């Protein structure tokens, strides 16, 4: 992977890969609204049945089969608080 920005045009799709946080390992498809990928993404995620706003920040990308696969890392500082699974007691 590289730290540079992918070459992407307005309207192109790119694959988002979430790293860390409650969406760790999940993917999503986004459409470029300008000539670049988003630097930050806020995702509404259900955590213990409660909708929570989770922020992710651009980290890197790799091009696979002509499509950008962009990795975003969990940003706990800008996200709503989420209980660590180890702090939930008997709740999962």
Protein backbone atom coordinates (compact mmCIF):
# COMPACT_ATOMS: atom_id res chain seq x y z
CA UNK A 1 0.00 0.00 0.00
CA UNK A 2 1.03 3.57 -0.43
CA UNK A 3 0.34 6.87 1.31
CA UNK A 4 -0.41 8.75 -1.93
CA UNK A 5 -3.93 9.44 -3.17
CA UNK A 6 -5.61 7.19 -5.75
CA UNK A 7 -6.44 8.51 -9.20
CA UNK A 8 -10.22 8.70 -9.17
CA UNK A 9 -12.78 10.71 -11.11
CA UNK A 10 -16.10 12.23 -10.07
CA UNK A 11 -18.69 9.43 -10.04
CA UNK A 12 -16.18 6.55 -9.78
CA UNK A 13 -16.86 3.85 -7.21
CA UNK A 14 -14.28 2.82 -4.66
CA UNK A 15 -14.21 0.11 -2.03
CA UNK A 16 -13.94 1.19 1.61
CA UNK A 17 -12.25 -1.17 4.07
CA UNK A 18 -12.82 -0.34 7.76
CA UNK A 19 -9.96 -0.98 10.18
CA UNK A 20 -10.63 -0.96 13.93
CA UNK A 21 -13.72 0.02 15.88
CA UNK A 22 -17.09 -1.68 15.61
CA UNK A 23 -16.90 -1.89 11.79
CA UNK A 24 -13.49 -3.60 11.74
CA UNK A 25 -13.15 -5.82 8.68
CA UNK A 26 -16.38 -4.60 7.06
CA UNK A 27 -16.42 -3.13 3.58
CA UNK A 28 -18.61 -0.61 1.79
CA UNK A 29 -18.80 0.91 -1.67
CA UNK A 30 -18.74 4.69 -2.03
CA UNK A 31 -18.97 7.02 -5.02
CA UNK A 32 -16.51 9.88 -5.43
CA UNK A 33 -18.25 13.25 -5.26
CA UNK A 34 -15.18 15.07 -6.56
CA UNK A 35 -11.80 13.97 -7.94
CA UNK A 36 -10.64 12.28 -4.73
CA UNK A 37 -11.69 9.86 -2.02
CA UNK A 38 -13.12 11.10 1.27
CA UNK A 39 -10.53 11.96 3.93
CA UNK A 40 -13.00 11.19 6.74
CA UNK A 41 -16.13 9.07 6.89
CA UNK A 42 -18.82 9.05 9.58
CA UNK A 43 -20.83 5.83 9.72
CA UNK A 44 -24.03 5.15 11.67
CA UNK A 45 -23.43 1.81 13.36
CA UNK A 46 -25.66 -0.24 15.65
CA UNK A 47 -23.73 -1.01 18.84
CA UNK A 48 -25.72 -3.02 21.42
CA UNK A 49 -28.89 -2.06 19.54
CA UNK A 50 -28.14 1.68 19.79
CA UNK A 51 -27.26 3.77 16.73
CA UNK A 52 -23.84 5.32 17.20
CA UNK A 53 -21.84 7.73 15.00
CA UNK A 54 -18.41 6.23 14.28
CA UNK A 55 -15.68 8.22 12.54
CA UNK A 56 -12.98 6.75 10.30
CA UNK A 57 -9.97 8.55 8.77
CA UNK A 58 -8.24 7.84 5.45
CA UNK A 59 -5.09 5.77 5.88
CA UNK A 60 -4.04 4.27 2.54
CA UNK A 61 -5.17 2.66 -0.70
CA UNK A 62 -4.26 -0.04 -3.17
CA UNK A 63 -5.60 -0.42 -6.71
CA UNK A 64 -7.07 -3.86 -7.47
CA UNK A 65 -8.48 -4.65 -10.90
CA UNK A 66 -8.71 -0.97 -11.77
CA UNK A 67 -10.68 -0.07 -8.62
CA UNK A 68 -9.33 1.79 -5.59
CA UNK A 69 -9.54 -0.17 -2.32
CA UNK A 70 -9.24 2.46 0.42
CA UNK A 71 -8.49 1.67 4.07
CA UNK A 72 -9.96 3.90 6.77
CA UNK A 73 -8.94 3.59 10.44
CA UNK A 74 -11.19 4.04 13.46
CA UNK A 75 -10.97 7.49 15.07
CA UNK A 76 -12.15 7.04 18.67
CA UNK A 77 -11.44 10.69 19.53
CA UNK A 78 -14.09 11.98 17.08
CA UNK A 79 -16.54 9.06 17.45
CA UNK A 80 -19.34 8.65 19.97
CA UNK A 81 -18.19 6.52 22.93
CA UNK A 82 -18.40 2.75 22.48
CA UNK A 83 -17.93 0.21 25.29
CA UNK A 84 -14.98 -2.11 24.80
CA UNK A 85 -16.32 -5.71 24.62
CA UNK A 86 -14.19 -6.58 27.68
CA UNK A 87 -15.94 -3.81 29.67
CA UNK A 88 -19.47 -5.05 28.92
CA UNK A 89 -19.57 -7.68 31.64
CA UNK A 90 -21.89 -10.50 30.55
CA UNK A 91 -23.33 -8.46 27.64
CA UNK A 92 -21.97 -9.28 24.16
